[in-house]
PDB file of N, CA and C in Angstrom:
ATOM      1  N   MET A   1       0.830  -1.188   0.000  1.00  0.00           N
ATOM      2  CA  MET A   1       0.000   0.000   0.000  1.00  0.00           C
ATOM      3  C   MET A   1       0.873   1.250   0.000  1.00  0.00           C
ATOM      4  N   VAL A   2       0.418   2.249  -0.727  1.00  0.00           N
ATOM      5  CA  VAL A   2       1.056   3.555  -0.741  1.00  0.00           C
ATOM      6  C   VAL A   2       0.035   4.554  -0.229  1.00  0.00           C
ATOM      7  N   TYR A   3       0.481   5.495   0.563  1.00  0.00           N
ATOM      8  CA  TYR A   3      -0.396   6.504   1.150  1.00  0.00           C
ATOM      9  C   TYR A   3       0.047   7.868   0.642  1.00  0.00           C
ATOM     10  N   LEU A   4      -0.921   8.653   0.175  1.00  0.00           N
ATOM     11  CA  LEU A   4      -0.626   9.948  -0.423  1.00  0.00           C
ATOM     12  C   LEU A   4      -1.603  10.991   0.096  1.00  0.00           C
ATOM     13  N   ALA A   5      -1.074  12.081   0.604  1.00  0.00           N
ATOM     14  CA  ALA A   5      -1.879  13.245   0.961  1.00  0.00           C
ATOM     15  C   ALA A   5      -1.631  14.309  -0.095  1.00  0.00           C
ATOM     16  N   VAL A   6      -2.661  15.085  -0.392  1.00  0.00           N
ATOM     17  CA  VAL A   6      -2.548  16.145  -1.400  1.00  0.00           C
ATOM     18  C   VAL A   6      -2.773  17.485  -0.715  1.00  0.00           C
ATOM     19  N   SER A   7      -1.832  18.379  -0.854  1.00  0.00           N
ATOM     20  CA  SER A   7      -1.914  19.683  -0.212  1.00  0.00           C
ATOM     21  C   SER A   7      -3.060  20.515  -0.778  1.00  0.00           C
ATOM     22  N   VAL A   8      -3.728  21.216   0.115  1.00  0.00           N
ATOM     23  CA  VAL A   8      -4.685  22.257  -0.278  1.00  0.00           C
ATOM     24  C   VAL A   8      -4.312  23.579   0.401  1.00  0.00           C
ATOM     25  N   ASP A   9      -3.263  23.553   1.189  1.00  0.00           N
ATOM     26  CA  ASP A   9      -2.774  24.737   1.907  1.00  0.00           C
ATOM     27  C   ASP A   9      -1.373  25.051   1.399  1.00  0.00           C
ATOM     28  N   LEU A  10      -1.306  25.611   0.199  1.00  0.00           N
ATOM     29  CA  LEU A  10      -0.020  25.784  -0.464  1.00  0.00           C
ATOM     30  C   LEU A  10       0.911  26.729   0.281  1.00  0.00           C
ATOM     31  N   ALA A  11       0.363  27.721   0.953  1.00  0.00           N
ATOM     32  CA  ALA A  11       1.204  28.637   1.722  1.00  0.00           C
ATOM     33  C   ALA A  11       1.653  28.003   3.034  1.00  0.00           C
ATOM     34  N   GLY A  12       0.799  27.195   3.618  1.00  0.00           N
ATOM     35  CA  GLY A  12       1.111  26.616   4.926  1.00  0.00           C
ATOM     36  C   GLY A  12       1.826  25.283   4.876  1.00  0.00           C
ATOM     37  N   ASP A  13       1.741  24.571   3.762  1.00  0.00           N
ATOM     38  CA  ASP A  13       2.380  23.266   3.662  1.00  0.00           C
ATOM     39  C   ASP A  13       3.828  23.417   3.217  1.00  0.00           C
ATOM     40  N   THR A  14       4.643  23.751   4.195  1.00  0.00           N
ATOM     41  CA  THR A  14       6.082  23.898   3.983  1.00  0.00           C
ATOM     42  C   THR A  14       6.751  22.561   4.289  1.00  0.00           C
ATOM     43  N   PRO A  15       7.992  22.383   3.880  1.00  0.00           N
ATOM     44  CA  PRO A  15       8.681  21.141   4.252  1.00  0.00           C
ATOM     45  C   PRO A  15       8.665  20.892   5.766  1.00  0.00           C
ATOM     46  N   GLU A  16       8.785  21.966   6.539  1.00  0.00           N
ATOM     47  CA  GLU A  16       8.785  21.832   7.995  1.00  0.00           C
ATOM     48  C   GLU A  16       7.412  21.406   8.514  1.00  0.00           C
ATOM     49  N   SER A  17       6.336  22.019   8.000  1.00  0.00           N
ATOM     50  CA  SER A  17       4.999  21.672   8.495  1.00  0.00           C
ATOM     51  C   SER A  17       4.580  20.283   8.049  1.00  0.00           C
ATOM     52  N   VAL A  18       4.983  19.875   6.855  1.00  0.00           N
ATOM     53  CA  VAL A  18       4.689  18.524   6.372  1.00  0.00           C
ATOM     54  C   VAL A  18       5.425  17.500   7.233  1.00  0.00           C
ATOM     55  N   ALA A  19       6.679  17.779   7.568  1.00  0.00           N
ATOM     56  CA  ALA A  19       7.443  16.871   8.432  1.00  0.00           C
ATOM     57  C   ALA A  19       6.815  16.785   9.816  1.00  0.00           C
ATOM     58  N   ALA A  20       6.367  17.926  10.359  1.00  0.00           N
ATOM     59  CA  ALA A  20       5.727  17.937  11.672  1.00  0.00           C
ATOM     60  C   ALA A  20       4.416  17.146  11.642  1.00  0.00           C
ATOM     61  N   PHE A  21       3.611  17.336  10.586  1.00  0.00           N
ATOM     62  CA  PHE A  21       2.357  16.594  10.436  1.00  0.00           C
ATOM     63  C   PHE A  21       2.635  15.094  10.375  1.00  0.00           C
ATOM     64  N   SER A  22       3.625  14.711   9.590  1.00  0.00           N
ATOM     65  CA  SER A  22       3.963  13.299   9.437  1.00  0.00           C
ATOM     66  C   SER A  22       4.418  12.705  10.760  1.00  0.00           C
ATOM     67  N   GLN A  23       5.217  13.456  11.501  1.00  0.00           N
ATOM     68  CA  GLN A  23       5.695  12.965  12.795  1.00  0.00           C
ATOM     69  C   GLN A  23       4.556  12.888  13.803  1.00  0.00           C
ATOM     70  N   GLU A  24       3.724  13.908  13.851  1.00  0.00           N
ATOM     71  CA  GLU A  24       2.603  13.953  14.797  1.00  0.00           C
ATOM     72  C   GLU A  24       1.664  12.768  14.609  1.00  0.00           C
ATOM     73  N   HIS A  25       1.474  12.353  13.368  1.00  0.00           N
ATOM     74  CA  HIS A  25       0.557  11.254  13.067  1.00  0.00           C
ATOM     75  C   HIS A  25       1.287   9.924  12.833  1.00  0.00           C
ATOM     76  N   HIS A  26       2.580   9.898  13.176  1.00  0.00           N
ATOM     77  CA  HIS A  26       3.393   8.679  13.078  1.00  0.00           C
ATOM     78  C   HIS A  26       3.437   8.121  11.659  1.00  0.00           C
ATOM     79  N   LEU A  27       3.336   8.987  10.687  1.00  0.00           N
ATOM     80  CA  LEU A  27       3.319   8.546   9.294  1.00  0.00           C
ATOM     81  C   LEU A  27       4.698   8.190   8.770  1.00  0.00           C
ATOM     82  N   GLU A  28       5.723   8.684   9.434  1.00  0.00           N
ATOM     83  CA  GLU A  28       7.075   8.321   9.014  1.00  0.00           C
ATOM     84  C   GLU A  28       7.315   6.822   9.176  1.00  0.00           C
ATOM     85  N   GLU A  29       6.504   6.171  10.009  1.00  0.00           N
ATOM     86  CA  GLU A  29       6.610   4.715  10.175  1.00  0.00           C
ATOM     87  C   GLU A  29       6.287   3.963   8.882  1.00  0.00           C
ATOM     88  N   LEU A  30       5.600   4.625   7.973  1.00  0.00           N
ATOM     89  CA  LEU A  30       5.266   4.006   6.690  1.00  0.00           C
ATOM     90  C   LEU A  30       6.445   4.029   5.716  1.00  0.00           C
ATOM     91  N   GLY A  31       7.499   4.749   6.063  1.00  0.00           N
ATOM     92  CA  GLY A  31       8.686   4.805   5.218  1.00  0.00           C
ATOM     93  C   GLY A  31       8.377   5.386   3.852  1.00  0.00           C
ATOM     94  N   ASP A  32       8.875   4.728   2.813  1.00  0.00           N
ATOM     95  CA  ASP A  32       8.688   5.248   1.451  1.00  0.00           C
ATOM     96  C   ASP A  32       7.302   4.978   0.893  1.00  0.00           C
ATOM     97  N   ARG A  33       6.396   4.461   1.727  1.00  0.00           N
ATOM     98  CA  ARG A  33       4.999   4.289   1.302  1.00  0.00           C
ATOM     99  C   ARG A  33       4.167   5.530   1.599  1.00  0.00           C
ATOM    100  N   TRP A  34       4.719   6.519   2.318  1.00  0.00           N
ATOM    101  CA  TRP A  34       4.009   7.740   2.681  1.00  0.00           C
ATOM    102  C   TRP A  34       4.549   8.915   1.865  1.00  0.00           C
ATOM    103  N   HIS A  35       3.627   9.651   1.213  1.00  0.00           N
ATOM    104  CA  HIS A  35       4.001  10.802   0.394  1.00  0.00           C
ATOM    105  C   HIS A  35       3.014  11.940   0.650  1.00  0.00           C
ATOM    106  N   TYR A  36       3.513  13.150   0.592  1.00  0.00           N
ATOM    107  CA  TYR A  36       2.671  14.339   0.766  1.00  0.00           C
ATOM    108  C   TYR A  36       2.902  15.215  -0.454  1.00  0.00           C
ATOM    109  N   LEU A  37       1.910  15.293  -1.315  1.00  0.00           N
ATOM    110  CA  LEU A  37       2.032  16.003  -2.581  1.00  0.00           C
ATOM    111  C   LEU A  37       1.815  17.497  -2.383  1.00  0.00           C
ATOM    112  N   VAL A  38       2.830  18.279  -2.693  1.00  0.00           N
ATOM    113  CA  VAL A  38       2.741  19.737  -2.637  1.00  0.00           C
ATOM    114  C   VAL A  38       3.166  20.290  -3.990  1.00  0.00           C
ATOM    115  N   GLY A  39       2.816  21.523  -4.237  1.00  0.00           N
ATOM    116  CA  GLY A  39       3.184  22.155  -5.502  1.00  0.00           C
ATOM    117  C   GLY A  39       2.471  23.474  -5.648  1.00  0.00           C
ATOM    118  N   THR A  40       2.521  24.007  -6.833  1.00  0.00           N
ATOM    119  CA  THR A  40       1.835  25.259  -7.134  1.00  0.00           C
ATOM    120  C   THR A  40       0.371  24.945  -7.481  1.00  0.00           C
ATOM    121  N   PRO A  41      -0.495  25.950  -7.464  1.00  0.00           N
ATOM    122  CA  PRO A  41      -1.876  25.702  -7.890  1.00  0.00           C
ATOM    123  C   PRO A  41      -1.949  25.097  -9.289  1.00  0.00           C
ATOM    124  N   ALA A  42      -1.118  25.560 -10.183  1.00  0.00           N
ATOM    125  CA  ALA A  42      -1.137  25.016 -11.549  1.00  0.00           C
ATOM    126  C   ALA A  42      -0.725  23.544 -11.559  1.00  0.00           C
ATOM    127  N   GLU A  43       0.247  23.182 -10.728  1.00  0.00           N
ATOM    128  CA  GLU A  43       0.707  21.795 -10.676  1.00  0.00           C
ATOM    129  C   GLU A  43      -0.322  20.867 -10.042  1.00  0.00           C
ATOM    130  N   LEU A  44      -1.071  21.373  -9.072  1.00  0.00           N
ATOM    131  CA  LEU A  44      -2.021  20.528  -8.339  1.00  0.00           C
ATOM    132  C   LEU A  44      -3.441  20.585  -8.895  1.00  0.00           C
ATOM    133  N   ALA A  45      -3.729  21.510  -9.770  1.00  0.00           N
ATOM    134  CA  ALA A  45      -5.093  21.718 -10.261  1.00  0.00           C
ATOM    135  C   ALA A  45      -5.716  20.449 -10.838  1.00  0.00           C
ATOM    136  N   GLU A  46      -4.986  19.702 -11.636  1.00  0.00           N
ATOM    137  CA  GLU A  46      -5.542  18.479 -12.235  1.00  0.00           C
ATOM    138  C   GLU A  46      -5.804  17.405 -11.189  1.00  0.00           C
ATOM    139  N   VAL A  47      -4.944  17.307 -10.189  1.00  0.00           N
ATOM    140  CA  VAL A  47      -5.155  16.339  -9.105  1.00  0.00           C
ATOM    141  C   VAL A  47      -6.421  16.716  -8.345  1.00  0.00           C
ATOM    142  N   TRP A  48      -6.534  17.998  -7.979  1.00  0.00           N
ATOM    143  CA  TRP A  48      -7.728  18.457  -7.271  1.00  0.00           C
ATOM    144  C   TRP A  48      -8.983  18.159  -8.083  1.00  0.00           C
ATOM    145  N   LYS A  49      -8.936  18.435  -9.369  1.00  0.00           N
ATOM    146  CA  LYS A  49     -10.091  18.208 -10.233  1.00  0.00           C
ATOM    147  C   LYS A  49     -10.413  16.718 -10.347  1.00  0.00           C
ATOM    148  N   SER A  50      -9.415  15.903 -10.563  1.00  0.00           N
ATOM    149  CA  SER A  50      -9.621  14.463 -10.757  1.00  0.00           C
ATOM    150  C   SER A  50     -10.222  13.778  -9.534  1.00  0.00           C
ATOM    151  N   TYR A  51      -9.889  14.288  -8.346  1.00  0.00           N
ATOM    152  CA  TYR A  51     -10.366  13.654  -7.116  1.00  0.00           C
ATOM    153  C   TYR A  51     -11.368  14.515  -6.365  1.00  0.00           C
ATOM    154  N   TYR A  52     -11.954  15.490  -7.053  1.00  0.00           N
ATOM    155  CA  TYR A  52     -13.024  16.322  -6.499  1.00  0.00           C
ATOM    156  C   TYR A  52     -12.615  16.971  -5.184  1.00  0.00           C
ATOM    157  N   ILE A  53     -11.405  17.506  -5.155  1.00  0.00           N
ATOM    158  CA  ILE A  53     -10.898  18.182  -3.965  1.00  0.00           C
ATOM    159  C   ILE A  53     -11.252  19.650  -4.088  1.00  0.00           C
ATOM    160  N   GLY A  54     -12.133  20.114  -3.212  1.00  0.00           N
ATOM    161  CA  GLY A  54     -12.504  21.516  -3.202  1.00  0.00           C
ATOM    162  C   GLY A  54     -11.491  22.311  -2.402  1.00  0.00           C
ATOM    163  N   VAL A  55     -11.009  23.395  -2.966  1.00  0.00           N
ATOM    164  CA  VAL A  55      -9.989  24.208  -2.318  1.00  0.00           C
ATOM    165  C   VAL A  55     -10.472  25.645  -2.273  1.00  0.00           C
ATOM    166  N   SER A  56     -10.398  26.274  -1.104  1.00  0.00           N
ATOM    167  CA  SER A  56     -10.761  27.678  -0.965  1.00  0.00           C
ATOM    168  C   SER A  56      -9.503  28.513  -0.915  1.00  0.00           C
ATOM    169  N   SER A  57      -9.393  29.472  -1.803  1.00  0.00           N
ATOM    170  CA  SER A  57      -8.206  30.326  -1.844  1.00  0.00           C
ATOM    171  C   SER A  57      -8.308  31.501  -0.876  1.00  0.00           C
ATOM    172  N   ALA A  58      -9.439  31.669  -0.203  1.00  0.00           N
ATOM    173  CA  ALA A  58      -9.643  32.821   0.668  1.00  0.00           C
ATOM    174  C   ALA A  58      -9.214  32.559   2.105  1.00  0.00           C
ATOM    175  N   LEU A  59      -8.565  31.444   2.369  1.00  0.00           N
ATOM    176  CA  LEU A  59      -8.202  31.095   3.733  1.00  0.00           C
ATOM    177  C   LEU A  59      -6.794  31.542   4.080  1.00  0.00           C
ATOM    178  N   GLU A  60      -6.559  31.665   5.365  1.00  0.00           N
ATOM    179  CA  GLU A  60      -5.215  31.946   5.858  1.00  0.00           C
ATOM    180  C   GLU A  60      -4.416  30.652   5.880  1.00  0.00           C
ATOM    181  N   PRO A  61      -3.094  30.734   5.757  1.00  0.00           N
ATOM    182  CA  PRO A  61      -2.283  29.522   5.845  1.00  0.00           C
ATOM    183  C   PRO A  61      -2.584  28.748   7.126  1.00  0.00           C
ATOM    184  N   GLY A  62      -2.712  27.459   6.997  1.00  0.00           N
ATOM    185  CA  GLY A  62      -2.993  26.606   8.147  1.00  0.00           C
ATOM    186  C   GLY A  62      -4.464  26.314   8.347  1.00  0.00           C
ATOM    187  N   ASP A  63      -5.371  27.119   7.776  1.00  0.00           N
ATOM    188  CA  ASP A  63      -6.804  26.847   7.877  1.00  0.00           C
ATOM    189  C   ASP A  63      -7.143  25.649   6.994  1.00  0.00           C
ATOM    190  N   LEU A  64      -8.112  24.870   7.426  1.00  0.00           N
ATOM    191  CA  LEU A  64      -8.486  23.679   6.673  1.00  0.00           C
ATOM    192  C   LEU A  64      -9.858  23.847   6.047  1.00  0.00           C
ATOM    193  N   GLY A  65      -9.948  24.667   5.033  1.00  0.00           N
ATOM    194  CA  GLY A  65     -11.202  24.882   4.334  1.00  0.00           C
ATOM    195  C   GLY A  65     -11.218  24.080   3.058  1.00  0.00           C
ATOM    196  N   HIS A  66     -11.344  22.771   3.177  1.00  0.00           N
ATOM    197  CA  HIS A  66     -11.273  21.912   2.001  1.00  0.00           C
ATOM    198  C   HIS A  66     -12.105  20.662   2.233  1.00  0.00           C
ATOM    199  N   THR A  67     -12.326  19.963   1.171  1.00  0.00           N
ATOM    200  CA  THR A  67     -12.977  18.674   1.311  1.00  0.00           C
ATOM    201  C   THR A  67     -11.992  17.717   1.956  1.00  0.00           C
ATOM    202  N   SER A  68     -12.516  16.761   2.677  1.00  0.00           N
ATOM    203  CA  SER A  68     -11.634  15.766   3.289  1.00  0.00           C
ATOM    204  C   SER A  68     -12.203  14.389   2.990  1.00  0.00           C
ATOM    205  N   ALA A  69     -11.433  13.635   2.263  1.00  0.00           N
ATOM    206  CA  ALA A  69     -11.874  12.305   1.868  1.00  0.00           C
ATOM    207  C   ALA A  69     -10.676  11.379   1.825  1.00  0.00           C
ATOM    208  N   LEU A  70     -10.963  10.117   1.944  1.00  0.00           N
ATOM    209  CA  LEU A  70      -9.944   9.089   1.875  1.00  0.00           C
ATOM    210  C   LEU A  70     -10.340   8.134   0.761  1.00  0.00           C
ATOM    211  N   TYR A  71      -9.558   8.145  -0.306  1.00  0.00           N
ATOM    212  CA  TYR A  71      -9.808   7.252  -1.434  1.00  0.00           C
ATOM    213  C   TYR A  71      -8.995   5.977  -1.260  1.00  0.00           C
ATOM    214  N   PHE A  72      -9.577   4.868  -1.629  1.00  0.00           N
ATOM    215  CA  PHE A  72      -8.860   3.600  -1.717  1.00  0.00           C
ATOM    216  C   PHE A  72      -8.805   3.258  -3.199  1.00  0.00           C
ATOM    217  N   ILE A  73      -7.586   3.220  -3.729  1.00  0.00           N
ATOM    218  CA  ILE A  73      -7.382   3.055  -5.168  1.00  0.00           C
ATOM    219  C   ILE A  73      -6.615   1.761  -5.393  1.00  0.00           C
ATOM    220  N   ASP A  74      -7.122   0.926  -6.286  1.00  0.00           N
ATOM    221  CA  ASP A  74      -6.466  -0.363  -6.527  1.00  0.00           C
ATOM    222  C   ASP A  74      -5.207  -0.188  -7.375  1.00  0.00           C
ATOM    223  N   PRO A  75      -4.413  -1.238  -7.512  1.00  0.00           N
ATOM    224  CA  PRO A  75      -3.161  -1.132  -8.268  1.00  0.00           C
ATOM    225  C   PRO A  75      -3.339  -0.710  -9.727  1.00  0.00           C
ATOM    226  N   LYS A  76      -4.541  -0.861 -10.273  1.00  0.00           N
ATOM    227  CA  LYS A  76      -4.791  -0.457 -11.652  1.00  0.00           C
ATOM    228  C   LYS A  76      -5.246   0.996 -11.754  1.00  0.00           C
ATOM    229  N   GLY A  77      -5.355   1.675 -10.609  1.00  0.00           N
ATOM    230  CA  GLY A  77      -5.762   3.073 -10.601  1.00  0.00           C
ATOM    231  C   GLY A  77      -7.255   3.293 -10.485  1.00  0.00           C
ATOM    232  N   ASN A  78      -8.015   2.233 -10.235  1.00  0.00           N
ATOM    233  CA  ASN A  78      -9.466   2.353 -10.088  1.00  0.00           C
ATOM    234  C   ASN A  78      -9.818   2.716  -8.653  1.00  0.00           C
ATOM    235  N   ARG A  79     -10.700   3.677  -8.490  1.00  0.00           N
ATOM    236  CA  ARG A  79     -11.173   4.050  -7.156  1.00  0.00           C
ATOM    237  C   ARG A  79     -12.148   2.978  -6.682  1.00  0.00           C
ATOM    238  N   ARG A  80     -11.830   2.363  -5.567  1.00  0.00           N
ATOM    239  CA  ARG A  80     -12.651   1.265  -5.043  1.00  0.00           C
ATOM    240  C   ARG A  80     -13.523   1.669  -3.872  1.00  0.00           C
ATOM    241  N   ALA A  81     -13.089   2.656  -3.091  1.00  0.00           N
ATOM    242  CA  ALA A  81     -13.868   3.092  -1.932  1.00  0.00           C
ATOM    243  C   ALA A  81     -13.540   4.549  -1.646  1.00  0.00           C
ATOM    244  N   LEU A  82     -14.492   5.225  -1.051  1.00  0.00           N
ATOM    245  CA  LEU A  82     -14.337   6.613  -0.650  1.00  0.00           C
ATOM    246  C   LEU A  82     -14.961   6.754   0.726  1.00  0.00           C
ATOM    247  N   THR A  83     -14.198   7.285   1.674  1.00  0.00           N
ATOM    248  CA  THR A  83     -14.721   7.499   3.021  1.00  0.00           C
ATOM    249  C   THR A  83     -14.311   8.880   3.504  1.00  0.00           C
ATOM    250  N   GLU A  84     -14.916   9.301   4.592  1.00  0.00           N
ATOM    251  CA  GLU A  84     -14.507  10.529   5.257  1.00  0.00           C
ATOM    252  C   GLU A  84     -13.233  10.257   6.051  1.00  0.00           C
ATOM    253  N   LEU A  85     -12.502  11.303   6.374  1.00  0.00           N
ATOM    254  CA  LEU A  85     -11.250  11.128   7.113  1.00  0.00           C
ATOM    255  C   LEU A  85     -11.453  10.610   8.525  1.00  0.00           C
ATOM    256  N   ASP A  86     -12.622  10.821   9.098  1.00  0.00           N
ATOM    257  CA  ASP A  86     -12.839  10.375  10.476  1.00  0.00           C
ATOM    258  C   ASP A  86     -13.305   8.923  10.567  1.00  0.00           C
ATOM    259  N   VAL A  87     -13.104   8.149   9.521  1.00  0.00           N
ATOM    260  CA  VAL A  87     -13.463   6.738   9.523  1.00  0.00           C
ATOM    261  C   VAL A  87     -12.578   6.002  10.536  1.00  0.00           C
ATOM    262  N   GLY A  88     -13.119   4.942  11.114  1.00  0.00           N
ATOM    263  CA  GLY A  88     -12.377   4.175  12.098  1.00  0.00           C
ATOM    264  C   GLY A  88     -11.269   3.330  11.486  1.00  0.00           C
ATOM    265  N   ALA A  89     -10.308   2.982  12.312  1.00  0.00           N
ATOM    266  CA  ALA A  89      -9.177   2.165  11.869  1.00  0.00           C
ATOM    267  C   ALA A  89      -9.635   0.818  11.313  1.00  0.00           C
ATOM    268  N   GLU A  90     -10.709   0.258  11.875  1.00  0.00           N
ATOM    269  CA  GLU A  90     -11.212  -1.028  11.392  1.00  0.00           C
ATOM    270  C   GLU A  90     -11.687  -0.937   9.946  1.00  0.00           C
ATOM    271  N   ASP A  91     -12.357   0.169   9.622  1.00  0.00           N
ATOM    272  CA  ASP A  91     -12.833   0.364   8.253  1.00  0.00           C
ATOM    273  C   ASP A  91     -11.665   0.553   7.287  1.00  0.00           C
ATOM    274  N   ILE A  92     -10.661   1.282   7.722  1.00  0.00           N
ATOM    275  CA  ILE A  92      -9.484   1.467   6.878  1.00  0.00           C
ATOM    276  C   ILE A  92      -8.806   0.127   6.634  1.00  0.00           C
ATOM    277  N   ALA A  93      -8.623  -0.645   7.688  1.00  0.00           N
ATOM    278  CA  ALA A  93      -7.978  -1.958   7.547  1.00  0.00           C
ATOM    279  C   ALA A  93      -8.780  -2.878   6.626  1.00  0.00           C
ATOM    280  N   ARG A  94     -10.091  -2.850   6.746  1.00  0.00           N
ATOM    281  CA  ARG A  94     -10.951  -3.688   5.896  1.00  0.00           C
ATOM    282  C   ARG A  94     -10.786  -3.298   4.422  1.00  0.00           C
ATOM    283  N   ASN A  95     -10.783  -2.007   4.143  1.00  0.00           N
ATOM    284  CA  ASN A  95     -10.602  -1.552   2.761  1.00  0.00           C
ATOM    285  C   ASN A  95      -9.218  -1.912   2.237  1.00  0.00           C
ATOM    286  N   GLU A  96      -8.200  -1.815   3.083  1.00  0.00           N
ATOM    287  CA  GLU A  96      -6.856  -2.193   2.650  1.00  0.00           C
ATOM    288  C   GLU A  96      -6.780  -3.677   2.324  1.00  0.00           C
ATOM    289  N   LEU A  97      -7.428  -4.499   3.118  1.00  0.00           N
ATOM    290  CA  LEU A  97      -7.429  -5.942   2.836  1.00  0.00           C
ATOM    291  C   LEU A  97      -8.108  -6.260   1.507  1.00  0.00           C
ATOM    292  N   VAL A  98      -9.204  -5.586   1.245  1.00  0.00           N
ATOM    293  CA  VAL A  98      -9.904  -5.783  -0.026  1.00  0.00           C
ATOM    294  C   VAL A  98      -8.996  -5.401  -1.186  1.00  0.00           C
ATOM    295  N   LEU A  99      -8.318  -4.258  -1.064  1.00  0.00           N
ATOM    296  CA  LEU A  99      -7.424  -3.831  -2.148  1.00  0.00           C
ATOM    297  C   LEU A  99      -6.229  -4.769  -2.304  1.00  0.00           C
ATOM    298  N   ALA A 100      -5.737  -5.305  -1.213  1.00  0.00           N
ATOM    299  CA  ALA A 100      -4.579  -6.203  -1.273  1.00  0.00           C
ATOM    300  C   ALA A 100      -4.925  -7.483  -2.048  1.00  0.00           C
ATOM    301  N   ARG A 101      -6.190  -7.838  -2.068  1.00  0.00           N
ATOM    302  CA  ARG A 101      -6.621  -9.035  -2.773  1.00  0.00           C
ATOM    303  C   ARG A 101      -6.840  -8.793  -4.260  1.00  0.00           C
ATOM    304  N   GLN A 102      -6.796  -7.554  -4.691  1.00  0.00           N
ATOM    305  CA  GLN A 102      -7.037  -7.208  -6.096  1.00  0.00           C
ATOM    306  C   GLN A 102      -5.899  -7.682  -6.965  1.00  0.00           C
TER     307      GLN A 102
END
C-alpha cells in the first residue's frame, strides 16, 4: 500500500509543516509508502479536479477549508472506496485488505 496526501494549503504546507504533520501522526513509520504532494496551484489543479478536492483560496495559511476524503485506489488506478477522514481504523484496515486481494 502507498499513502498519499494532497496539499490544499499551499502557503502553509512547507517542508517543515509537512514533516511535523507526518511525525505527529506517526506517518514516518510508513517509510517510502508515505508521500505528501505539494506544488503550485497550476501543478495541483488536475489532481484536485480528478479527485473532487474543493480548495478555498480565501483562507489563511494553516486553515483547513477543504474537502476531506480518503480514497482507496487499486493497483490499476481504479477508485474502489471513498470514506470521510474520520473513519475508524477497522474500516481502513478492511478496505486495505480488499485492495490487497485485487
